[in-house]
């Protein structure tokens, strides 16, 4: 049960909560749509490796189990998700391994992200890709923790537009 009063309705709490602050809900919905857009610079495998890392750090069972079946065509498979706790796993590309490491550091020890780490990032990613990855990681971390803190994570289901509640 949510820690704040959520308006009644048939939709999941994670959707109904945004009716409390619809302008923020619209903004969150826009960000979510962009993070999950096909028009991103980063490949789906890189984004999903980082997303699953944040799901593990946040301890969100719903997010750890959430899949987009259409991503199989982009090479996103269970093997990708299975080893995010081991970024050196041989099935990961250099970008995927670094995205996992970046997500983990961002969420658990952001002060460890120093110039040397950024030099490694710049070997694999352009500056626009680094910004995009950082925004994605920040989105997943913030809203994963929002659902946990407000005790919405049992109802947590990614909704493309929270503002439509």
C-alpha atoms as a PDB file:
ATOM      1  CA  UNK A   1       0.000   0.000   0.000  1.00  0.00           C
ATOM      2  CA  UNK A   2       1.299   3.414  -0.945  1.00  0.00           C
ATOM      3  CA  UNK A   3       2.716   5.692   1.733  1.00  0.00           C
ATOM      4  CA  UNK A   4       0.743   8.648   0.390  1.00  0.00           C
ATOM      5  CA  UNK A   5      -2.931   8.829  -0.450  1.00  0.00           C
ATOM      6  CA  UNK A   6      -3.431   7.849  -4.070  1.00  0.00           C
ATOM      7  CA  UNK A   7      -6.727   8.694  -5.791  1.00  0.00           C
ATOM      8  CA  UNK A   8      -9.028   5.702  -6.218  1.00  0.00           C
ATOM      9  CA  UNK A   9      -9.390   4.031  -9.584  1.00  0.00           C
ATOM     10  CA  UNK A  10      -8.880   0.903 -11.616  1.00  0.00           C
ATOM     11  CA  UNK A  11      -5.403   1.759 -12.894  1.00  0.00           C
ATOM     12  CA  UNK A  12      -2.242   0.739 -11.010  1.00  0.00           C
ATOM     13  CA  UNK A  13      -1.054   3.083  -8.246  1.00  0.00           C
ATOM     14  CA  UNK A  14       2.044   3.945 -10.262  1.00  0.00           C
ATOM     15  CA  UNK A  15      -0.250   5.513 -12.867  1.00  0.00           C
ATOM     16  CA  UNK A  16      -2.826   7.061 -10.516  1.00  0.00           C
ATOM     17  CA  UNK A  17      -0.162   8.806  -8.412  1.00  0.00           C
ATOM     18  CA  UNK A  18       0.487  11.249 -11.246  1.00  0.00           C
ATOM     19  CA  UNK A  19      -3.038  12.648 -11.033  1.00  0.00           C
ATOM     20  CA  UNK A  20      -1.879  14.315  -7.797  1.00  0.00           C
ATOM     21  CA  UNK A  21       0.622  16.415  -9.787  1.00  0.00           C
ATOM     22  CA  UNK A  22      -0.462  16.164 -13.442  1.00  0.00           C
ATOM     23  CA  UNK A  23       2.063  18.708 -14.725  1.00  0.00           C
ATOM     24  CA  UNK A  24       4.917  16.692 -13.234  1.00  0.00           C
ATOM     25  CA  UNK A  25       3.289  13.506 -14.500  1.00  0.00           C
ATOM     26  CA  UNK A  26       3.291  14.918 -18.016  1.00  0.00           C
ATOM     27  CA  UNK A  27       6.970  15.801 -17.722  1.00  0.00           C
ATOM     28  CA  UNK A  28       7.861  12.371 -16.347  1.00  0.00           C
ATOM     29  CA  UNK A  29       5.841  10.767 -19.143  1.00  0.00           C
ATOM     30  CA  UNK A  30       7.708  12.754 -21.771  1.00  0.00           C
ATOM     31  CA  UNK A  31      11.065  11.760 -20.293  1.00  0.00           C
ATOM     32  CA  UNK A  32      10.037   8.093 -20.144  1.00  0.00           C
ATOM     33  CA  UNK A  33       8.915   8.169 -23.767  1.00  0.00           C
ATOM     34  CA  UNK A  34      12.251   9.646 -24.828  1.00  0.00           C
ATOM     35  CA  UNK A  35      14.338   7.205 -22.770  1.00  0.00           C
ATOM     36  CA  UNK A  36      12.493   4.282 -24.374  1.00  0.00           C
ATOM     37  CA  UNK A  37      12.400   5.775 -27.870  1.00  0.00           C
ATOM     38  CA  UNK A  38      13.799   3.897 -30.840  1.00  0.00           C
ATOM     39  CA  UNK A  39      15.354   7.208 -31.925  1.00  0.00           C
ATOM     40  CA  UNK A  40      18.118   7.173 -29.313  1.00  0.00           C
ATOM     41  CA  UNK A  41      21.820   7.194 -30.163  1.00  0.00           C
ATOM     42  CA  UNK A  42      22.602   4.244 -27.926  1.00  0.00           C
ATOM     43  CA  UNK A  43      21.822   0.678 -28.966  1.00  0.00           C
ATOM     44  CA  UNK A  44      19.093  -1.112 -27.035  1.00  0.00           C
ATOM     45  CA  UNK A  45      21.563  -3.623 -25.604  1.00  0.00           C
ATOM     46  CA  UNK A  46      23.626  -0.825 -24.051  1.00  0.00           C
ATOM     47  CA  UNK A  47      20.542   0.843 -22.570  1.00  0.00           C
ATOM     48  CA  UNK A  48      19.101  -2.426 -21.282  1.00  0.00           C
ATOM     49  CA  UNK A  49      22.393  -3.448 -19.675  1.00  0.00           C
ATOM     50  CA  UNK A  50      22.437  -0.138 -17.798  1.00  0.00           C
ATOM     51  CA  UNK A  51      18.702  -0.350 -16.949  1.00  0.00           C
ATOM     52  CA  UNK A  52      19.046  -3.830 -15.509  1.00  0.00           C
ATOM     53  CA  UNK A  53      22.051  -2.737 -13.460  1.00  0.00           C
ATOM     54  CA  UNK A  54      19.974   0.052 -11.909  1.00  0.00           C
ATOM     55  CA  UNK A  55      17.109  -2.397 -11.294  1.00  0.00           C
ATOM     56  CA  UNK A  56      19.550  -4.598  -9.359  1.00  0.00           C
ATOM     57  CA  UNK A  57      20.986  -1.671  -7.391  1.00  0.00           C
ATOM     58  CA  UNK A  58      17.477  -0.404  -6.562  1.00  0.00           C
ATOM     59  CA  UNK A  59      16.325  -3.923  -5.706  1.00  0.00           C
ATOM     60  CA  UNK A  60      13.236  -3.526  -7.895  1.00  0.00           C
ATOM     61  CA  UNK A  61      11.878  -6.994  -8.644  1.00  0.00           C
ATOM     62  CA  UNK A  62       9.347  -5.591 -11.087  1.00  0.00           C
ATOM     63  CA  UNK A  63      12.031  -3.780 -13.074  1.00  0.00           C
ATOM     64  CA  UNK A  64      14.321  -6.816 -12.951  1.00  0.00           C
ATOM     65  CA  UNK A  65      11.538  -8.896 -14.489  1.00  0.00           C
ATOM     66  CA  UNK A  66      10.316  -6.323 -17.026  1.00  0.00           C
ATOM     67  CA  UNK A  67      11.017  -7.155 -20.661  1.00  0.00           C
ATOM     68  CA  UNK A  68      10.107  -5.639 -24.018  1.00  0.00           C
ATOM     69  CA  UNK A  69       9.723  -8.646 -26.339  1.00  0.00           C
ATOM     70  CA  UNK A  70      10.202  -6.479 -29.426  1.00  0.00           C
ATOM     71  CA  UNK A  71      13.815  -5.841 -28.351  1.00  0.00           C
ATOM     72  CA  UNK A  72      14.761  -9.416 -29.248  1.00  0.00           C
ATOM     73  CA  UNK A  73      15.223  -8.175 -32.817  1.00  0.00           C
ATOM     74  CA  UNK A  74      17.878  -5.775 -31.439  1.00  0.00           C
ATOM     75  CA  UNK A  75      19.748  -8.662 -29.782  1.00  0.00           C
ATOM     76  CA  UNK A  76      18.364  -8.101 -26.289  1.00  0.00           C
ATOM     77  CA  UNK A  77      18.058 -11.551 -24.756  1.00  0.00           C
ATOM     78  CA  UNK A  78      18.088 -13.212 -21.344  1.00  0.00           C
ATOM     79  CA  UNK A  79      21.864 -13.654 -21.572  1.00  0.00           C
ATOM     80  CA  UNK A  80      22.203  -9.847 -21.554  1.00  0.00           C
ATOM     81  CA  UNK A  81      20.149  -9.554 -18.358  1.00  0.00           C
ATOM     82  CA  UNK A  82      21.670 -12.557 -16.608  1.00  0.00           C
ATOM     83  CA  UNK A  83      25.164 -11.217 -16.025  1.00  0.00           C
ATOM     84  CA  UNK A  84      24.901  -7.507 -15.206  1.00  0.00           C
ATOM     85  CA  UNK A  85      26.544  -8.212 -11.872  1.00  0.00           C
ATOM     86  CA  UNK A  86      29.596  -9.323 -13.895  1.00  0.00           C
ATOM     87  CA  UNK A  87      30.314  -6.553 -16.445  1.00  0.00           C
ATOM     88  CA  UNK A  88      33.407  -8.431 -17.644  1.00  0.00           C
ATOM     89  CA  UNK A  89      31.248 -11.322 -18.842  1.00  0.00           C
ATOM     90  CA  UNK A  90      32.447 -12.367 -22.269  1.00  0.00           C
ATOM     91  CA  UNK A  91      29.126 -11.825 -24.039  1.00  0.00           C
ATOM     92  CA  UNK A  92      29.189  -8.069 -23.400  1.00  0.00           C
ATOM     93  CA  UNK A  93      30.638  -5.594 -25.852  1.00  0.00           C
ATOM     94  CA  UNK A  94      33.028  -2.944 -24.576  1.00  0.00           C
ATOM     95  CA  UNK A  95      30.157  -0.406 -24.607  1.00  0.00           C
ATOM     96  CA  UNK A  96      27.820  -2.743 -22.696  1.00  0.00           C
ATOM     97  CA  UNK A  97      30.433  -3.529 -20.042  1.00  0.00           C
ATOM     98  CA  UNK A  98      31.221   0.133 -19.578  1.00  0.00           C
ATOM     99  CA  UNK A  99      27.508   1.050 -19.401  1.00  0.00           C
ATOM    100  CA  UNK A 100      27.064  -1.526 -16.634  1.00  0.00           C
ATOM    101  CA  UNK A 101      30.053  -0.154 -14.744  1.00  0.00           C
ATOM    102  CA  UNK A 102      28.868   3.436 -15.228  1.00  0.00           C
ATOM    103  CA  UNK A 103      25.350   2.653 -14.009  1.00  0.00           C
ATOM    104  CA  UNK A 104      26.732   0.867 -10.963  1.00  0.00           C
ATOM    105  CA  UNK A 105      29.121   3.691 -10.060  1.00  0.00           C
ATOM    106  CA  UNK A 106      26.452   6.340 -10.746  1.00  0.00           C
ATOM    107  CA  UNK A 107      24.054   4.632  -8.354  1.00  0.00           C
ATOM    108  CA  UNK A 108      26.419   3.489  -5.624  1.00  0.00           C
ATOM    109  CA  UNK A 109      29.576   5.623  -5.656  1.00  0.00           C
ATOM    110  CA  UNK A 110      29.211   8.591  -7.991  1.00  0.00           C
ATOM    111  CA  UNK A 111      32.349  10.218  -6.581  1.00  0.00           C
ATOM    112  CA  UNK A 112      34.347   7.334  -8.050  1.00  0.00           C
ATOM    113  CA  UNK A 113      33.480   8.647 -11.515  1.00  0.00           C
ATOM    114  CA  UNK A 114      36.688  10.553 -12.085  1.00  0.00           C
ATOM    115  CA  UNK A 115      38.573  11.890 -15.093  1.00  0.00           C
ATOM    116  CA  UNK A 116      40.212   8.509 -15.691  1.00  0.00           C
ATOM    117  CA  UNK A 117      36.809   6.833 -15.840  1.00  0.00           C
ATOM    118  CA  UNK A 118      35.550   9.521 -18.239  1.00  0.00           C
ATOM    119  CA  UNK A 119      38.583   8.930 -20.437  1.00  0.00           C
ATOM    120  CA  UNK A 120      37.512   5.281 -20.642  1.00  0.00           C
ATOM    121  CA  UNK A 121      33.937   6.344 -21.440  1.00  0.00           C
ATOM    122  CA  UNK A 122      35.201   8.612 -24.231  1.00  0.00           C
ATOM    123  CA  UNK A 123      37.088   5.689 -25.772  1.00  0.00           C
ATOM    124  CA  UNK A 124      33.761   3.920 -26.345  1.00  0.00           C
ATOM    125  CA  UNK A 125      31.133   6.681 -26.512  1.00  0.00           C
ATOM    126  CA  UNK A 126      30.736  10.120 -28.063  1.00  0.00           C
ATOM    127  CA  UNK A 127      29.863  13.035 -25.797  1.00  0.00           C
ATOM    128  CA  UNK A 128      26.193  12.977 -26.946  1.00  0.00           C
ATOM    129  CA  UNK A 129      26.059   9.237 -26.187  1.00  0.00           C
ATOM    130  CA  UNK A 130      27.543   9.820 -22.714  1.00  0.00           C
ATOM    131  CA  UNK A 131      24.931  12.476 -22.010  1.00  0.00           C
ATOM    132  CA  UNK A 132      22.155  10.195 -23.257  1.00  0.00           C
ATOM    133  CA  UNK A 133      23.381   7.281 -21.134  1.00  0.00           C
ATOM    134  CA  UNK A 134      23.655   9.546 -18.091  1.00  0.00           C
ATOM    135  CA  UNK A 135      20.093  10.800 -18.546  1.00  0.00           C
ATOM    136  CA  UNK A 136      18.776   7.249 -18.937  1.00  0.00           C
ATOM    137  CA  UNK A 137      20.615   6.050 -15.831  1.00  0.00           C
ATOM    138  CA  UNK A 138      19.392   9.042 -13.831  1.00  0.00           C
ATOM    139  CA  UNK A 139      15.804   8.418 -14.949  1.00  0.00           C
ATOM    140  CA  UNK A 140      15.850   4.740 -13.993  1.00  0.00           C
ATOM    141  CA  UNK A 141      17.549   5.372 -10.686  1.00  0.00           C
ATOM    142  CA  UNK A 142      15.307   8.260  -9.651  1.00  0.00           C
ATOM    143  CA  UNK A 143      11.992   6.739 -10.599  1.00  0.00           C
ATOM    144  CA  UNK A 144      12.920   3.287  -9.350  1.00  0.00           C
ATOM    145  CA  UNK A 145      13.656   4.828  -5.975  1.00  0.00           C
ATOM    146  CA  UNK A 146      10.545   7.020  -6.115  1.00  0.00           C
ATOM    147  CA  UNK A 147       8.366   3.932  -6.467  1.00  0.00           C
ATOM    148  CA  UNK A 148      10.223   2.172  -3.652  1.00  0.00           C
ATOM    149  CA  UNK A 149      10.157   5.128  -1.229  1.00  0.00           C
ATOM    150  CA  UNK A 150       6.455   5.755  -1.830  1.00  0.00           C
ATOM    151  CA  UNK A 151       5.864   1.991  -1.624  1.00  0.00           C
ATOM    152  CA  UNK A 152       4.507   1.867  -5.150  1.00  0.00           C
ATOM    153  CA  UNK A 153       6.881  -0.845  -6.320  1.00  0.00           C
ATOM    154  CA  UNK A 154       4.366  -3.667  -5.945  1.00  0.00           C
ATOM    155  CA  UNK A 155       2.209  -1.805  -8.461  1.00  0.00           C
ATOM    156  CA  UNK A 156       5.223  -0.722 -10.485  1.00  0.00           C
ATOM    157  CA  UNK A 157       4.720  -1.235 -14.160  1.00  0.00           C
ATOM    158  CA  UNK A 158       6.345   0.923 -16.754  1.00  0.00           C
ATOM    159  CA  UNK A 159       3.690   3.137 -18.241  1.00  0.00           C
ATOM    160  CA  UNK A 160       4.605   5.087 -21.349  1.00  0.00           C
ATOM    161  CA  UNK A 161       2.710   8.177 -20.237  1.00  0.00           C
ATOM    162  CA  UNK A 162       2.016   8.693 -16.515  1.00  0.00           C
ATOM    163  CA  UNK A 163       0.170  11.891 -17.447  1.00  0.00           C
ATOM    164  CA  UNK A 164      -2.652   9.891 -19.028  1.00  0.00           C
ATOM    165  CA  UNK A 165      -3.867   8.717 -15.616  1.00  0.00           C
END
